[in-house]
PDB file of N, CA and C in Angstrom:
ATOM      1  N   UNK A   1     -21.728  10.821  22.283  1.00  0.00           N
ATOM      2  CA  UNK A   1     -21.536  11.196  20.892  1.00  0.00           C
ATOM      3  C   UNK A   1     -22.169  10.109  20.014  1.00  0.00           C
ATOM      4  N   UNK A   2     -22.880  10.528  18.992  1.00  0.00           N
ATOM      5  CA  UNK A   2     -23.542   9.561  18.120  1.00  0.00           C
ATOM      6  C   UNK A   2     -22.525   8.801  17.266  1.00  0.00           C
ATOM      7  N   UNK A   3     -22.967   7.694  16.749  1.00  0.00           N
ATOM      8  CA  UNK A   3     -22.084   6.886  15.897  1.00  0.00           C
ATOM      9  C   UNK A   3     -21.636   7.677  14.676  1.00  0.00           C
ATOM     10  N   UNK A   4     -22.530   8.484  14.117  1.00  0.00           N
ATOM     11  CA  UNK A   4     -22.155   9.268  12.947  1.00  0.00           C
ATOM     12  C   UNK A   4     -21.103  10.308  13.300  1.00  0.00           C
ATOM     13  N   UNK A   5     -21.226  10.924  14.440  1.00  0.00           N
ATOM     14  CA  UNK A   5     -20.206  11.894  14.873  1.00  0.00           C
ATOM     15  C   UNK A   5     -18.865  11.206  15.078  1.00  0.00           C
ATOM     16  N   UNK A   6     -18.883   9.989  15.630  1.00  0.00           N
ATOM     17  CA  UNK A   6     -17.643   9.212  15.774  1.00  0.00           C
ATOM     18  C   UNK A   6     -17.030   8.924  14.409  1.00  0.00           C
ATOM     19  N   UNK A   7     -17.872   8.603  13.433  1.00  0.00           N
ATOM     20  CA  UNK A   7     -17.394   8.347  12.075  1.00  0.00           C
ATOM     21  C   UNK A   7     -16.744   9.585  11.479  1.00  0.00           C
ATOM     22  N   UNK A   8     -17.382  10.733  11.662  1.00  0.00           N
ATOM     23  CA  UNK A   8     -16.830  11.991  11.150  1.00  0.00           C
ATOM     24  C   UNK A   8     -15.474  12.268  11.784  1.00  0.00           C
ATOM     25  N   UNK A   9     -15.374  12.098  13.095  1.00  0.00           N
ATOM     26  CA  UNK A   9     -14.110  12.332  13.799  1.00  0.00           C
ATOM     27  C   UNK A   9     -13.029  11.385  13.283  1.00  0.00           C
ATOM     28  N   UNK A  10     -13.389  10.112  13.087  1.00  0.00           N
ATOM     29  CA  UNK A  10     -12.437   9.121  12.573  1.00  0.00           C
ATOM     30  C   UNK A  10     -11.944   9.507  11.184  1.00  0.00           C
ATOM     31  N   UNK A  11     -12.852   9.899  10.281  1.00  0.00           N
ATOM     32  CA  UNK A  11     -12.423  10.256   8.929  1.00  0.00           C
ATOM     33  C   UNK A  11     -11.547  11.496   8.927  1.00  0.00           C
ATOM     34  N   UNK A  12     -11.821  12.430   9.826  1.00  0.00           N
ATOM     35  CA  UNK A  12     -10.961  13.614   9.941  1.00  0.00           C
ATOM     36  C   UNK A  12      -9.557  13.220  10.395  1.00  0.00           C
ATOM     37  N   UNK A  13      -9.474  12.327  11.382  1.00  0.00           N
ATOM     38  CA  UNK A  13      -8.166  11.863  11.867  1.00  0.00           C
ATOM     39  C   UNK A  13      -7.428  11.100  10.770  1.00  0.00           C
ATOM     40  N   UNK A  14      -8.151  10.293  10.018  1.00  0.00           N
ATOM     41  CA  UNK A  14      -7.539   9.544   8.915  1.00  0.00           C
ATOM     42  C   UNK A  14      -7.011  10.500   7.844  1.00  0.00           C
ATOM     43  N   UNK A  15      -7.784  11.504   7.511  1.00  0.00           N
ATOM     44  CA  UNK A  15      -7.346  12.500   6.528  1.00  0.00           C
ATOM     45  C   UNK A  15      -6.093  13.235   7.001  1.00  0.00           C
ATOM     46  N   UNK A  16      -6.061  13.586   8.281  1.00  0.00           N
ATOM     47  CA  UNK A  16      -4.880  14.251   8.845  1.00  0.00           C
ATOM     48  C   UNK A  16      -3.652  13.357   8.735  1.00  0.00           C
ATOM     49  N   UNK A  17      -3.806  12.075   9.050  1.00  0.00           N
ATOM     50  CA  UNK A  17      -2.687  11.134   8.976  1.00  0.00           C
ATOM     51  C   UNK A  17      -2.208  10.970   7.533  1.00  0.00           C
ATOM     52  N   UNK A  18      -3.135  10.912   6.590  1.00  0.00           N
ATOM     53  CA  UNK A  18      -2.757  10.786   5.178  1.00  0.00           C
ATOM     54  C   UNK A  18      -1.985  12.016   4.711  1.00  0.00           C
ATOM     55  N   UNK A  19      -2.423  13.190   5.145  1.00  0.00           N
ATOM     56  CA  UNK A  19      -1.691  14.416   4.782  1.00  0.00           C
ATOM     57  C   UNK A  19      -0.285  14.403   5.362  1.00  0.00           C
ATOM     58  N   UNK A  20      -0.150  13.980   6.617  1.00  0.00           N
ATOM     59  CA  UNK A  20       1.169  13.921   7.255  1.00  0.00           C
ATOM     60  C   UNK A  20       2.100  12.962   6.524  1.00  0.00           C
ATOM     61  N   UNK A  21       1.560  11.848   6.029  1.00  0.00           N
ATOM     62  CA  UNK A  21       2.373  10.870   5.306  1.00  0.00           C
ATOM     63  C   UNK A  21       2.617  11.264   3.851  1.00  0.00           C
ATOM     64  N   UNK A  22       1.886  12.262   3.376  1.00  0.00           N
ATOM     65  CA  UNK A  22       2.030  12.685   1.986  1.00  0.00           C
ATOM     66  C   UNK A  22       1.318  11.773   1.008  1.00  0.00           C
ATOM     67  N   UNK A  23       0.271  11.111   1.455  1.00  0.00           N
ATOM     68  CA  UNK A  23      -0.447  10.189   0.566  1.00  0.00           C
ATOM     69  C   UNK A  23      -1.901  10.600   0.353  1.00  0.00           C
ATOM     70  N   UNK A  24      -2.276  11.788   0.761  1.00  0.00           N
ATOM     71  CA  UNK A  24      -3.677  12.205   0.645  1.00  0.00           C
ATOM     72  C   UNK A  24      -4.119  12.326  -0.813  1.00  0.00           C
ATOM     73  N   UNK A  25      -3.184  12.496  -1.733  1.00  0.00           N
ATOM     74  CA  UNK A  25      -3.519  12.639  -3.146  1.00  0.00           C
ATOM     75  C   UNK A  25      -3.760  11.295  -3.841  1.00  0.00           C
ATOM     76  N   UNK A  26      -3.430  10.199  -3.177  1.00  0.00           N
ATOM     77  CA  UNK A  26      -3.546   8.883  -3.801  1.00  0.00           C
ATOM     78  C   UNK A  26      -4.995   8.418  -3.874  1.00  0.00           C
ATOM     79  N   UNK A  27      -5.276   7.600  -4.898  1.00  0.00           N
ATOM     80  CA  UNK A  27      -6.611   7.015  -5.032  1.00  0.00           C
ATOM     81  C   UNK A  27      -6.743   5.834  -4.074  1.00  0.00           C
ATOM     82  N   UNK A  28      -7.955   5.379  -3.896  1.00  0.00           N
ATOM     83  CA  UNK A  28      -8.242   4.299  -2.957  1.00  0.00           C
ATOM     84  C   UNK A  28      -7.441   3.036  -3.204  1.00  0.00           C
ATOM     85  N   UNK A  29      -7.265   2.649  -4.470  1.00  0.00           N
ATOM     86  CA  UNK A  29      -6.518   1.431  -4.775  1.00  0.00           C
ATOM     87  C   UNK A  29      -5.063   1.557  -4.329  1.00  0.00           C
ATOM     88  N   UNK A  30      -4.483   2.718  -4.526  1.00  0.00           N
ATOM     89  CA  UNK A  30      -3.098   2.930  -4.097  1.00  0.00           C
ATOM     90  C   UNK A  30      -2.972   2.782  -2.580  1.00  0.00           C
ATOM     91  N   UNK A  31      -3.948   3.324  -1.859  1.00  0.00           N
ATOM     92  CA  UNK A  31      -3.932   3.219  -0.402  1.00  0.00           C
ATOM     93  C   UNK A  31      -4.127   1.778   0.051  1.00  0.00           C
ATOM     94  N   UNK A  32      -4.933   1.015  -0.676  1.00  0.00           N
ATOM     95  CA  UNK A  32      -5.107  -0.405  -0.358  1.00  0.00           C
ATOM     96  C   UNK A  32      -3.805  -1.166  -0.559  1.00  0.00           C
ATOM     97  N   UNK A  33      -3.091  -0.856  -1.639  1.00  0.00           N
ATOM     98  CA  UNK A  33      -1.789  -1.487  -1.909  1.00  0.00           C
ATOM     99  C   UNK A  33      -0.845  -1.209  -0.745  1.00  0.00           C
ATOM    100  N   UNK A  34      -0.755   0.056  -0.340  1.00  0.00           N
ATOM    101  CA  UNK A  34       0.119   0.425   0.775  1.00  0.00           C
ATOM    102  C   UNK A  34      -0.284  -0.306   2.045  1.00  0.00           C
ATOM    103  N   UNK A  35      -1.574  -0.378   2.307  1.00  0.00           N
ATOM    104  CA  UNK A  35      -2.066  -1.048   3.509  1.00  0.00           C
ATOM    105  C   UNK A  35      -1.646  -2.517   3.521  1.00  0.00           C
ATOM    106  N   UNK A  36      -1.908  -3.229   2.422  1.00  0.00           N
ATOM    107  CA  UNK A  36      -1.594  -4.660   2.381  1.00  0.00           C
ATOM    108  C   UNK A  36      -0.099  -4.919   2.535  1.00  0.00           C
ATOM    109  N   UNK A  37       0.712  -4.139   1.846  1.00  0.00           N
ATOM    110  CA  UNK A  37       2.164  -4.332   1.914  1.00  0.00           C
ATOM    111  C   UNK A  37       2.674  -4.045   3.319  1.00  0.00           C
ATOM    112  N   UNK A  38       2.254  -2.928   3.897  1.00  0.00           N
ATOM    113  CA  UNK A  38       2.745  -2.564   5.229  1.00  0.00           C
ATOM    114  C   UNK A  38       2.219  -3.513   6.297  1.00  0.00           C
ATOM    115  N   UNK A  39       0.988  -3.968   6.165  1.00  0.00           N
ATOM    116  CA  UNK A  39       0.417  -4.903   7.139  1.00  0.00           C
ATOM    117  C   UNK A  39       1.225  -6.199   7.154  1.00  0.00           C
ATOM    118  N   UNK A  40       1.584  -6.720   5.996  1.00  0.00           N
ATOM    119  CA  UNK A  40       2.411  -7.928   5.929  1.00  0.00           C
ATOM    120  C   UNK A  40       3.790  -7.665   6.510  1.00  0.00           C
ATOM    121  N   UNK A  41       4.333  -6.476   6.230  1.00  0.00           N
ATOM    122  CA  UNK A  41       5.648  -6.122   6.751  1.00  0.00           C
ATOM    123  C   UNK A  41       5.640  -6.064   8.268  1.00  0.00           C
ATOM    124  N   UNK A  42       4.597  -5.484   8.850  1.00  0.00           N
ATOM    125  CA  UNK A  42       4.465  -5.419  10.310  1.00  0.00           C
ATOM    126  C   UNK A  42       4.399  -6.828  10.893  1.00  0.00           C
ATOM    127  N   UNK A  43       3.755  -7.738  10.158  1.00  0.00           N
ATOM    128  CA  UNK A  43       3.652  -9.137  10.600  1.00  0.00           C
ATOM    129  C   UNK A  43       4.942  -9.923  10.352  1.00  0.00           C
ATOM    130  N   UNK A  44       5.992  -9.231   9.861  1.00  0.00           N
ATOM    131  CA  UNK A  44       7.283  -9.875   9.631  1.00  0.00           C
ATOM    132  C   UNK A  44       7.386 -10.622   8.320  1.00  0.00           C
ATOM    133  N   UNK A  45       6.500 -10.331   7.381  1.00  0.00           N
ATOM    134  CA  UNK A  45       6.488 -11.020   6.087  1.00  0.00           C
ATOM    135  C   UNK A  45       6.873 -10.059   4.982  1.00  0.00           C
ATOM    136  N   UNK A  46       7.462 -10.607   3.949  1.00  0.00           N
ATOM    137  CA  UNK A  46       7.741  -9.823   2.755  1.00  0.00           C
ATOM    138  C   UNK A  46       6.669 -10.157   1.723  1.00  0.00           C
ATOM    139  N   UNK A  47       6.549  -9.305   0.722  1.00  0.00           N
ATOM    140  CA  UNK A  47       5.532  -9.524  -0.302  1.00  0.00           C
ATOM    141  C   UNK A  47       6.103  -9.223  -1.682  1.00  0.00           C
ATOM    142  N   UNK A  48       5.805 -10.110  -2.614  1.00  0.00           N
ATOM    143  CA  UNK A  48       6.156  -9.891  -4.010  1.00  0.00           C
ATOM    144  C   UNK A  48       4.901  -9.414  -4.734  1.00  0.00           C
ATOM    145  N   UNK A  49       5.061  -9.001  -5.979  1.00  0.00           N
ATOM    146  CA  UNK A  49       3.894  -8.577  -6.749  1.00  0.00           C
ATOM    147  C   UNK A  49       2.909  -9.721  -6.888  1.00  0.00           C
ATOM    148  N   UNK A  50       3.405 -10.915  -7.140  1.00  0.00           N
ATOM    149  CA  UNK A  50       2.518 -12.078  -7.304  1.00  0.00           C
ATOM    150  C   UNK A  50       1.694 -12.319  -6.044  1.00  0.00           C
ATOM    151  N   UNK A  51       2.322 -12.217  -4.895  1.00  0.00           N
ATOM    152  CA  UNK A  51       1.606 -12.415  -3.635  1.00  0.00           C
ATOM    153  C   UNK A  51       0.582 -11.308  -3.402  1.00  0.00           C
ATOM    154  N   UNK A  52       0.959 -10.078  -3.735  1.00  0.00           N
ATOM    155  CA  UNK A  52       0.041  -8.957  -3.610  1.00  0.00           C
ATOM    156  C   UNK A  52      -1.148  -9.148  -4.540  1.00  0.00           C
ATOM    157  N   UNK A  53      -0.883  -9.609  -5.740  1.00  0.00           N
ATOM    158  CA  UNK A  53      -1.936  -9.846  -6.718  1.00  0.00           C
ATOM    159  C   UNK A  53      -2.928 -10.894  -6.211  1.00  0.00           C
ATOM    160  N   UNK A  54      -2.435 -11.900  -5.505  1.00  0.00           N
ATOM    161  CA  UNK A  54      -3.312 -12.931  -4.951  1.00  0.00           C
ATOM    162  C   UNK A  54      -4.171 -12.390  -3.808  1.00  0.00           C
ATOM    163  N   UNK A  55      -3.643 -11.415  -3.072  1.00  0.00           N
ATOM    164  CA  UNK A  55      -4.375 -10.826  -1.940  1.00  0.00           C
ATOM    165  C   UNK A  55      -5.496  -9.903  -2.371  1.00  0.00           C
ATOM    166  N   UNK A  56      -5.292  -9.224  -3.485  1.00  0.00           N
ATOM    167  CA  UNK A  56      -6.206  -8.159  -3.873  1.00  0.00           C
ATOM    168  C   UNK A  56      -7.128  -8.598  -5.004  1.00  0.00           C
ATOM    169  N   UNK A  57      -8.343  -8.132  -4.955  1.00  0.00           N
ATOM    170  CA  UNK A  57      -9.334  -8.437  -5.976  1.00  0.00           C
ATOM    171  C   UNK A  57      -9.307  -7.333  -7.033  1.00  0.00           C
ATOM    172  N   UNK A  58      -8.185  -7.285  -7.751  1.00  0.00           N
ATOM    173  CA  UNK A  58      -7.953  -6.245  -8.746  1.00  0.00           C
ATOM    174  C   UNK A  58      -7.353  -6.901  -9.981  1.00  0.00           C
ATOM    175  N   UNK A  59      -7.778  -6.497 -11.177  1.00  0.00           N
ATOM    176  CA  UNK A  59      -7.145  -7.058 -12.370  1.00  0.00           C
ATOM    177  C   UNK A  59      -5.632  -6.857 -12.338  1.00  0.00           C
ATOM    178  N   UNK A  60      -4.907  -7.870 -12.760  1.00  0.00           N
ATOM    179  CA  UNK A  60      -3.453  -7.884 -12.687  1.00  0.00           C
ATOM    180  C   UNK A  60      -2.818  -6.648 -13.345  1.00  0.00           C
ATOM    181  N   UNK A  61      -3.267  -6.310 -14.545  1.00  0.00           N
ATOM    182  CA  UNK A  61      -2.667  -5.178 -15.274  1.00  0.00           C
ATOM    183  C   UNK A  61      -2.910  -3.863 -14.538  1.00  0.00           C
ATOM    184  N   UNK A  62      -4.095  -3.693 -13.980  1.00  0.00           N
ATOM    185  CA  UNK A  62      -4.413  -2.481 -13.218  1.00  0.00           C
ATOM    186  C   UNK A  62      -3.532  -2.388 -11.984  1.00  0.00           C
ATOM    187  N   UNK A  63      -3.419  -3.501 -11.268  1.00  0.00           N
ATOM    188  CA  UNK A  63      -2.587  -3.525 -10.066  1.00  0.00           C
ATOM    189  C   UNK A  63      -1.139  -3.222 -10.419  1.00  0.00           C
ATOM    190  N   UNK A  64      -0.628  -3.819 -11.494  1.00  0.00           N
ATOM    191  CA  UNK A  64       0.761  -3.587 -11.904  1.00  0.00           C
ATOM    192  C   UNK A  64       1.000  -2.105 -12.191  1.00  0.00           C
ATOM    193  N   UNK A  65       0.074  -1.461 -12.914  1.00  0.00           N
ATOM    194  CA  UNK A  65       0.240  -0.027 -13.232  1.00  0.00           C
ATOM    195  C   UNK A  65       0.281   0.814 -11.959  1.00  0.00           C
ATOM    196  N   UNK A  66      -0.575   0.484 -11.010  1.00  0.00           N
ATOM    197  CA  UNK A  66      -0.605   1.255  -9.761  1.00  0.00           C
ATOM    198  C   UNK A  66       0.665   1.023  -8.948  1.00  0.00           C
ATOM    199  N   UNK A  67       1.103  -0.219  -8.840  1.00  0.00           N
ATOM    200  CA  UNK A  67       2.333  -0.511  -8.097  1.00  0.00           C
ATOM    201  C   UNK A  67       3.513   0.200  -8.744  1.00  0.00           C
ATOM    202  N   UNK A  68       3.608   0.122 -10.069  1.00  0.00           N
ATOM    203  CA  UNK A  68       4.726   0.756 -10.764  1.00  0.00           C
ATOM    204  C   UNK A  68       4.697   2.273 -10.596  1.00  0.00           C
ATOM    205  N   UNK A  69       3.512   2.866 -10.624  1.00  0.00           N
ATOM    206  CA  UNK A  69       3.398   4.313 -10.419  1.00  0.00           C
ATOM    207  C   UNK A  69       3.852   4.690  -9.008  1.00  0.00           C
ATOM    208  N   UNK A  70       3.513   3.876  -8.017  1.00  0.00           N
ATOM    209  CA  UNK A  70       3.954   4.135  -6.639  1.00  0.00           C
ATOM    210  C   UNK A  70       5.464   3.981  -6.503  1.00  0.00           C
ATOM    211  N   UNK A  71       6.047   3.043  -7.237  1.00  0.00           N
ATOM    212  CA  UNK A  71       7.505   2.894  -7.252  1.00  0.00           C
ATOM    213  C   UNK A  71       8.135   4.129  -7.893  1.00  0.00           C
ATOM    214  N   UNK A  72       7.581   4.562  -9.029  1.00  0.00           N
ATOM    215  CA  UNK A  72       8.112   5.737  -9.732  1.00  0.00           C
ATOM    216  C   UNK A  72       8.036   7.000  -8.878  1.00  0.00           C
ATOM    217  N   UNK A  73       7.025   7.094  -8.018  1.00  0.00           N
ATOM    218  CA  UNK A  73       6.866   8.253  -7.137  1.00  0.00           C
ATOM    219  C   UNK A  73       7.726   8.154  -5.880  1.00  0.00           C
ATOM    220  N   UNK A  74       8.366   7.003  -5.679  1.00  0.00           N
ATOM    221  CA  UNK A  74       9.202   6.817  -4.495  1.00  0.00           C
ATOM    222  C   UNK A  74       8.436   6.407  -3.253  1.00  0.00           C
ATOM    223  N   UNK A  75       7.173   6.055  -3.415  1.00  0.00           N
ATOM    224  CA  UNK A  75       6.352   5.652  -2.271  1.00  0.00           C
ATOM    225  C   UNK A  75       6.588   4.175  -1.951  1.00  0.00           C
ATOM    226  N   UNK A  76       6.798   3.369  -2.985  1.00  0.00           N
ATOM    227  CA  UNK A  76       7.153   1.961  -2.817  1.00  0.00           C
ATOM    228  C   UNK A  76       8.553   1.736  -3.354  1.00  0.00           C
ATOM    229  N   UNK A  77       9.199   0.688  -2.871  1.00  0.00           N
ATOM    230  CA  UNK A  77      10.493   0.295  -3.428  1.00  0.00           C
ATOM    231  C   UNK A  77      10.437  -1.185  -3.787  1.00  0.00           C
ATOM    232  N   UNK A  78      11.248  -1.541  -4.772  1.00  0.00           N
ATOM    233  CA  UNK A  78      11.379  -2.939  -5.191  1.00  0.00           C
ATOM    234  C   UNK A  78      12.832  -3.323  -5.037  1.00  0.00           C
ATOM    235  N   UNK A  79      13.068  -4.471  -4.422  1.00  0.00           N
ATOM    236  CA  UNK A  79      14.427  -4.992  -4.273  1.00  0.00           C
ATOM    237  C   UNK A  79      14.427  -6.470  -4.606  1.00  0.00           C
ATOM    238  N   UNK A  80      15.525  -6.953  -5.135  1.00  0.00           N
ATOM    239  CA  UNK A  80      15.658  -8.388  -5.398  1.00  0.00           C
ATOM    240  C   UNK A  80      15.656  -9.149  -4.080  1.00  0.00           C
ATOM    241  N   UNK A  81      14.945 -10.248  -4.049  1.00  0.00           N
ATOM    242  CA  UNK A  81      14.926 -11.124  -2.879  1.00  0.00           C
ATOM    243  C   UNK A  81      16.283 -11.812  -2.793  1.00  0.00           C
ATOM    244  N   UNK A  82      17.001 -11.657  -1.686  1.00  0.00           N
ATOM    245  CA  UNK A  82      18.326 -12.263  -1.575  1.00  0.00           C
ATOM    246  C   UNK A  82      18.296 -13.795  -1.655  1.00  0.00           C
ATOM    247  N   UNK A  83      17.164 -14.399  -1.300  1.00  0.00           N
ATOM    248  CA  UNK A  83      17.088 -15.859  -1.345  1.00  0.00           C
ATOM    249  C   UNK A  83      16.543 -16.378  -2.670  1.00  0.00           C
ATOM    250  N   UNK A  84      15.985 -15.487  -3.508  1.00  0.00           N
ATOM    251  CA  UNK A  84      15.464 -15.888  -4.817  1.00  0.00           C
ATOM    252  C   UNK A  84      15.565 -14.690  -5.747  1.00  0.00           C
ATOM    253  N   UNK A  85      16.598 -14.637  -6.549  1.00  0.00           N
ATOM    254  CA  UNK A  85      16.881 -13.498  -7.419  1.00  0.00           C
ATOM    255  C   UNK A  85      15.815 -13.223  -8.455  1.00  0.00           C
ATOM    256  N   UNK A  86      14.902 -14.162  -8.681  1.00  0.00           N
ATOM    257  CA  UNK A  86      13.832 -13.947  -9.662  1.00  0.00           C
ATOM    258  C   UNK A  86      12.675 -13.157  -9.053  1.00  0.00           C
ATOM    259  N   UNK A  87      12.650 -13.052  -7.758  1.00  0.00           N
ATOM    260  CA  UNK A  87      11.533 -12.442  -7.033  1.00  0.00           C
ATOM    261  C   UNK A  87      11.924 -11.044  -6.560  1.00  0.00           C
ATOM    262  N   UNK A  88      11.037 -10.084  -6.772  1.00  0.00           N
ATOM    263  CA  UNK A  88      11.228  -8.724  -6.247  1.00  0.00           C
ATOM    264  C   UNK A  88      10.365  -8.553  -5.008  1.00  0.00           C
ATOM    265  N   UNK A  89      10.963  -8.029  -3.963  1.00  0.00           N
ATOM    266  CA  UNK A  89      10.230  -7.727  -2.746  1.00  0.00           C
ATOM    267  C   UNK A  89       9.777  -6.269  -2.833  1.00  0.00           C
ATOM    268  N   UNK A  90       8.502  -6.051  -2.564  1.00  0.00           N
ATOM    269  CA  UNK A  90       7.936  -4.698  -2.598  1.00  0.00           C
ATOM    270  C   UNK A  90       7.758  -4.242  -1.159  1.00  0.00           C
ATOM    271  N   UNK A  91       8.182  -3.020  -0.879  1.00  0.00           N
ATOM    272  CA  UNK A  91       8.006  -2.478   0.464  1.00  0.00           C
ATOM    273  C   UNK A  91       7.666  -1.006   0.394  1.00  0.00           C
ATOM    274  N   UNK A  92       7.076  -0.507   1.467  1.00  0.00           N
ATOM    275  CA  UNK A  92       6.720   0.908   1.558  1.00  0.00           C
ATOM    276  C   UNK A  92       7.991   1.680   1.867  1.00  0.00           C
ATOM    277  N   UNK A  93       8.238   2.732   1.084  1.00  0.00           N
ATOM    278  CA  UNK A  93       9.477   3.499   1.213  1.00  0.00           C
ATOM    279  C   UNK A  93       9.299   4.808   1.978  1.00  0.00           C
ATOM    280  N   UNK A  94       8.084   5.190   2.277  1.00  0.00           N
ATOM    281  CA  UNK A  94       7.863   6.468   2.974  1.00  0.00           C
ATOM    282  C   UNK A  94       7.830   6.252   4.466  1.00  0.00           C
TER     283      UNK A  94
END
């Protein structure tokens, strides 16, 4: 199978997975936010908005609007950090 055919198969599988998770309607930046947060979570780390902002090459205000929209949709959740009440931990809720 050619490399391009492998790419097509991969994108089809990715699209199927996004539909199953209910995130196929999200824009690329939203999916990047989910990826970064979940990747850190899998590695046993928590992430705050400030830490996410440092990871991503996105203007702060744009990132904040996208994160807040994902929280409003129930895709992300925010909880107070038990060890630092000033910090909110962001996690994937789906």
